[in-house]
Every structure is written in C-alpha cells, then in structure tokens.
Amino acid sequence: MKKSLMVFMFFVAIAWFGHTFSKNFIVDPAFTKFLAHKGSFHLLQNKLWFWFLRAHILLSLLALISGPIAFLKSTRKKNKALHRLIGKIYMVAIFLNCIPALYVSFYATGGWSSTIAFIFLNGAWISTTYIAYKEVRARKIQQHKEWMVRSYSITLANTTIYVLTLIFHNGLGLDYILSYQIAVWSSWMLNLCIAQGIIAIFNKKDENVNF
C-alpha cells in the first residue's frame, strides 16, 4: 500500500508541476486567464503582486516536487545526507513562501472569504512544517514523519482547490466564485483529514507487524 501511495504521490506531483509551470510560465505568463476570473486586470500594473505571485508559484512547486523525494524509503534509509538536503529544501521553500503567499492571498479570487481561508491554509502549512522540523531536531522520528505527511497534504492543497472547483462549478453548476470559495475552505481541511487517515492506517499496520 505504501508503494502504491508513493507512486500516486509522484504522479500527482509531476503532473501538477508540469501543468502549473507550463500554464503560468509558458502558455499564459501574463496571467490573463487567471485574472479573468477576478475581473482585476489592473493587478498587472501592480509589479509587487506580479513578482510575489511568481515567487509563490515557484516556491510552491519546489516544495511540491521535493516532498515525494524526501518520502522515498531509498532516500530516508540509504542516503540520509540526501534526505536531509531534500528536507531542508522543502522546508526552506515553505518558510520563504510565507510572505509571498500572505501577500497574494489579499488579492484572492472570491474576496475576503477566500483571503481568510488562504490565511488559515498558509498558517496550517507553516505550522505543520515547523512542528515537523522541531520533531526531527528532537530526534522524534515517528512524530516527524507524521507531521511531514500533514505538511505535504497542505502542499497539495492547490491541486485539491483546482479539482473541487471543477466539481462544484462544472459538475454541479455552481457559480465559479462560490465554487472557488468553497474549494479554498474545503481543501486544507479535507487534505488534513486524508493525511490523518493515512497516518492512522500506517500506524495500525506497523502495530500489527510488530505484534
């Protein structure tokens, strides 16, 4: 089951990396389609927003692609130096993303409802990552792994937002803005619940093996 989950995680990470990078840096580097949902083309005149959004996307993609590498058993067990390096890259990418992510959240599609949801999301992202860092510094490896699962689940929140928005808007016919607001609020809560379920399943499996 762990191998299947790792394969799925790598597939999602690579697919979303390719989709997001190509869309925002090759196909539509001016973010015109992105801004069309906001009705805020004046943001293109806001150079700070433009560069903070780019920084936010790039740092998020760095965390997205480095996470699964750190989870690999071959990295964790056989090449601990590489594991530590990838882990540091992952955590630094998230901590550096604190300011860009907060700034762009104030211009989120859906107004203040989405902004508040993103503030909670970013707070959960930084908190879970920081706790994972503290646990590994204290050599509490099991707790570190569990908090990294929670942290990475929030790293995947943007993917969940995209999928949920499609379901609510295209599938259920809800207004796009409402769909997006629901998706932003649901994404980090849903992902954390899934992460907790994965942790519980693997902990139970480890107990049975030890027994």
Protein backbone atom coordinates (compact mmCIF):
# COMPACT_ATOMS: atom_id res chain seq x y z
CA MET A 1 0.00 0.00 0.00
CA LYS A 2 2.87 2.36 0.79
CA LYS A 3 4.40 1.75 -2.63
CA SER A 4 1.07 2.45 -4.34
CA LEU A 5 0.70 5.66 -2.37
CA MET A 6 4.23 6.74 -3.31
CA VAL A 7 3.59 6.06 -6.99
CA PHE A 8 0.34 8.03 -6.82
CA MET A 9 2.07 10.88 -4.96
CA PHE A 10 4.85 11.10 -7.57
CA PHE A 11 2.29 11.02 -10.39
CA VAL A 12 0.26 13.85 -8.84
CA ALA A 13 3.37 15.92 -8.03
CA ILE A 14 4.89 15.59 -11.52
CA ALA A 15 1.56 16.11 -13.30
CA TRP A 16 0.67 19.18 -11.24
CA PHE A 17 4.20 20.56 -11.54
CA GLY A 18 4.04 20.29 -15.33
CA HIS A 19 0.52 21.73 -15.50
CA THR A 20 1.21 24.69 -13.22
CA PHE A 21 4.64 25.58 -14.58
CA SER A 22 3.57 25.41 -18.23
CA LYS A 23 0.34 27.32 -17.63
CA ASN A 24 1.90 30.17 -15.64
CA PHE A 25 5.33 30.50 -17.25
CA ILE A 26 4.89 29.28 -20.85
CA VAL A 27 1.25 29.33 -22.01
CA ASP A 28 0.00 32.37 -20.09
CA PRO A 29 2.92 34.19 -18.42
CA ALA A 30 0.83 37.39 -18.19
CA PHE A 31 -1.82 35.56 -16.08
CA THR A 32 -4.62 36.89 -18.31
CA LYS A 33 -6.85 33.80 -17.89
CA PHE A 34 -6.17 33.79 -14.15
CA LEU A 35 -7.12 37.44 -13.87
CA ALA A 36 -10.25 36.98 -15.99
CA HIS A 37 -11.93 35.23 -13.05
CA LYS A 38 -11.03 38.15 -10.81
CA GLY A 39 -12.04 40.91 -13.19
CA SER A 40 -8.89 42.61 -11.90
CA PHE A 41 -6.64 43.23 -14.88
CA HIS A 42 -5.37 46.34 -13.08
CA LEU A 43 -3.27 43.95 -10.99
CA LEU A 44 -0.93 43.68 -13.97
CA GLN A 45 0.12 47.22 -13.10
CA ASN A 46 1.00 46.08 -9.59
CA LYS A 47 4.56 44.85 -10.07
CA LEU A 48 4.85 43.69 -6.45
CA TRP A 49 1.79 41.43 -6.84
CA PHE A 50 3.12 40.10 -10.15
CA TRP A 51 6.54 39.12 -8.73
CA PHE A 52 5.16 37.85 -5.42
CA LEU A 53 2.74 35.62 -7.34
CA ARG A 54 5.59 34.25 -9.43
CA ALA A 55 7.69 33.65 -6.29
CA HIS A 56 4.73 31.99 -4.58
CA ILE A 57 4.17 29.63 -7.51
CA LEU A 58 7.86 28.71 -7.92
CA LEU A 59 8.42 28.09 -4.20
CA SER A 60 5.22 26.03 -4.01
CA LEU A 61 6.36 23.93 -6.98
CA LEU A 62 9.76 23.41 -5.35
CA ALA A 63 8.06 22.11 -2.21
CA LEU A 64 5.66 20.03 -4.31
CA ILE A 65 8.39 18.20 -6.22
CA SER A 66 10.88 17.81 -3.33
CA GLY A 67 8.34 16.34 -0.90
CA PRO A 68 7.92 12.90 -2.53
CA ILE A 69 11.69 12.53 -2.92
CA ALA A 70 12.13 13.00 0.82
CA PHE A 71 9.44 10.37 1.49
CA LEU A 72 11.20 7.70 -0.58
CA LYS A 73 12.44 4.79 1.53
CA SER A 74 15.64 4.66 -0.52
CA THR A 75 16.30 8.30 0.37
CA ARG A 76 15.35 8.00 4.04
CA LYS A 77 17.19 4.74 4.72
CA LYS A 78 20.07 4.50 2.27
CA ASN A 79 21.06 8.12 1.64
CA LYS A 80 20.37 10.13 4.75
CA ALA A 81 22.54 13.04 3.61
CA LEU A 82 20.35 13.43 0.51
CA HIS A 83 17.23 13.03 2.64
CA ARG A 84 18.35 15.86 4.94
CA LEU A 85 19.23 18.07 1.95
CA ILE A 86 15.87 17.50 0.24
CA GLY A 87 14.10 18.03 3.56
CA LYS A 88 15.86 21.36 4.05
CA ILE A 89 14.96 22.44 0.51
CA TYR A 90 11.33 21.51 1.17
CA MET A 91 11.13 23.40 4.46
CA VAL A 92 13.03 26.48 3.26
CA ALA A 93 10.74 26.68 0.21
CA ILE A 94 7.71 26.76 2.51
CA PHE A 95 9.16 29.21 5.05
CA LEU A 96 10.33 31.57 2.28
CA ASN A 97 6.84 31.35 0.78
CA CYS A 98 5.31 32.85 3.93
CA ILE A 99 5.41 36.47 2.74
CA PRO A 100 4.53 35.95 -0.97
CA ALA A 101 1.67 33.59 -0.06
CA LEU A 102 0.26 36.02 2.51
CA TYR A 103 0.54 38.98 0.14
CA VAL A 104 -1.20 37.34 -2.81
CA SER A 105 -3.94 35.97 -0.54
CA PHE A 106 -5.22 39.54 -0.09
CA TYR A 107 -6.00 39.57 -3.82
CA ALA A 108 -7.57 36.10 -3.90
CA THR A 109 -10.49 35.29 -6.19
CA GLY A 110 -13.66 35.43 -4.10
CA GLY A 111 -12.71 38.38 -1.91
CA TRP A 112 -12.36 38.25 1.85
CA SER A 113 -13.91 34.81 2.22
CA SER A 114 -11.11 33.31 0.11
CA THR A 115 -8.49 35.56 1.71
CA ILE A 116 -9.34 34.35 5.22
CA ALA A 117 -9.37 30.74 4.03
CA PHE A 118 -5.93 31.18 2.46
CA ILE A 119 -4.60 32.77 5.67
CA PHE A 120 -5.75 29.69 7.61
CA LEU A 121 -4.30 27.43 4.90
CA ASN A 122 -0.92 29.19 4.95
CA GLY A 123 -0.89 29.17 8.76
CA ALA A 124 -1.54 25.43 8.80
CA TRP A 125 1.13 24.90 6.13
CA ILE A 126 3.82 26.77 8.05
CA SER A 127 2.76 25.33 11.43
CA THR A 128 2.79 21.68 10.36
CA THR A 129 6.15 22.16 8.62
CA TYR A 130 7.67 23.89 11.64
CA ILE A 131 6.46 21.17 14.00
CA ALA A 132 7.93 18.54 11.68
CA TYR A 133 11.24 20.42 11.84
CA LYS A 134 11.12 20.63 15.65
CA GLU A 135 10.36 16.90 15.96
CA VAL A 136 13.29 15.85 13.79
CA ARG A 137 15.59 18.20 15.72
CA ALA A 138 14.42 16.43 18.89
CA ARG A 139 15.09 13.08 17.13
CA LYS A 140 11.43 12.10 17.39
CA ILE A 141 11.46 10.40 14.00
CA GLN A 142 7.96 8.87 14.06
CA GLN A 143 6.38 12.20 15.03
CA HIS A 144 8.50 13.93 12.39
CA LYS A 145 7.20 11.58 9.68
CA GLU A 146 3.61 12.12 10.76
CA TRP A 147 3.90 15.91 10.70
CA MET A 148 5.61 15.77 7.32
CA VAL A 149 2.62 13.83 5.98
CA ARG A 150 0.35 16.59 7.31
CA SER A 151 2.61 19.29 5.88
CA TYR A 152 2.74 17.70 2.44
CA SER A 153 -1.02 17.21 2.41
CA ILE A 154 -1.33 21.01 2.61
CA THR A 155 1.33 21.42 -0.06
CA LEU A 156 -1.14 19.57 -2.28
CA ALA A 157 -4.00 21.92 -1.32
CA ASN A 158 -3.79 23.90 -4.56
CA THR A 159 -4.35 20.70 -6.52
CA THR A 160 -7.40 19.99 -4.36
CA ILE A 161 -8.69 23.54 -4.92
CA TYR A 162 -8.48 23.03 -8.68
CA VAL A 163 -10.29 19.66 -8.57
CA LEU A 164 -13.02 20.83 -6.16
CA THR A 165 -13.65 23.99 -8.16
CA LEU A 166 -14.15 21.87 -11.29
CA ILE A 167 -16.56 19.59 -9.41
CA PHE A 168 -18.62 22.41 -7.90
CA HIS A 169 -18.59 24.68 -10.96
CA ASN A 170 -18.56 22.34 -13.96
CA GLY A 171 -20.09 19.31 -12.29
CA LEU A 172 -22.73 20.83 -10.02
CA GLY A 173 -23.26 24.07 -11.92
CA LEU A 174 -22.49 26.42 -9.04
CA ASP A 175 -21.25 29.95 -9.70
CA TYR A 176 -17.47 29.97 -10.28
CA ILE A 177 -16.70 32.39 -7.44
CA LEU A 178 -18.82 30.43 -4.96
CA SER A 179 -17.24 27.18 -6.16
CA TYR A 180 -13.77 28.62 -5.65
CA GLN A 181 -14.60 29.91 -2.14
CA ILE A 182 -15.94 26.52 -1.08
CA ALA A 183 -12.92 24.79 -2.63
CA VAL A 184 -10.40 27.01 -0.81
CA TRP A 185 -12.05 26.43 2.58
CA SER A 186 -12.51 22.70 1.96
CA SER A 187 -9.06 21.98 0.50
CA TRP A 188 -6.84 22.24 3.56
CA MET A 189 -9.43 20.70 5.90
CA LEU A 190 -10.06 17.78 3.55
CA ASN A 191 -6.35 17.22 2.91
CA LEU A 192 -5.55 17.23 6.63
CA CYS A 193 -8.33 14.69 7.25
CA ILE A 194 -6.94 12.46 4.50
CA ALA A 195 -3.42 12.85 5.95
CA GLN A 196 -4.69 11.85 9.39
CA GLY A 197 -6.39 8.80 7.89
CA ILE A 198 -3.17 7.76 6.13
CA ILE A 199 -1.19 8.18 9.36
CA ALA A 200 -3.73 6.09 11.29
CA ILE A 201 -3.72 3.31 8.68
CA PHE A 202 0.07 3.03 8.55
CA ASN A 203 0.43 3.22 12.34
CA LYS A 204 -2.10 0.40 12.67
CA LYS A 205 -0.25 -1.63 10.06
CA ASP A 206 3.07 -1.10 11.88
CA GLU A 207 1.47 -2.24 15.17
CA ASN A 208 0.24 -5.45 13.52
CA VAL A 209 3.71 -6.10 12.05
CA ASN A 210 5.35 -5.55 15.45
CA PHE A 211 2.78 -7.81 17.08
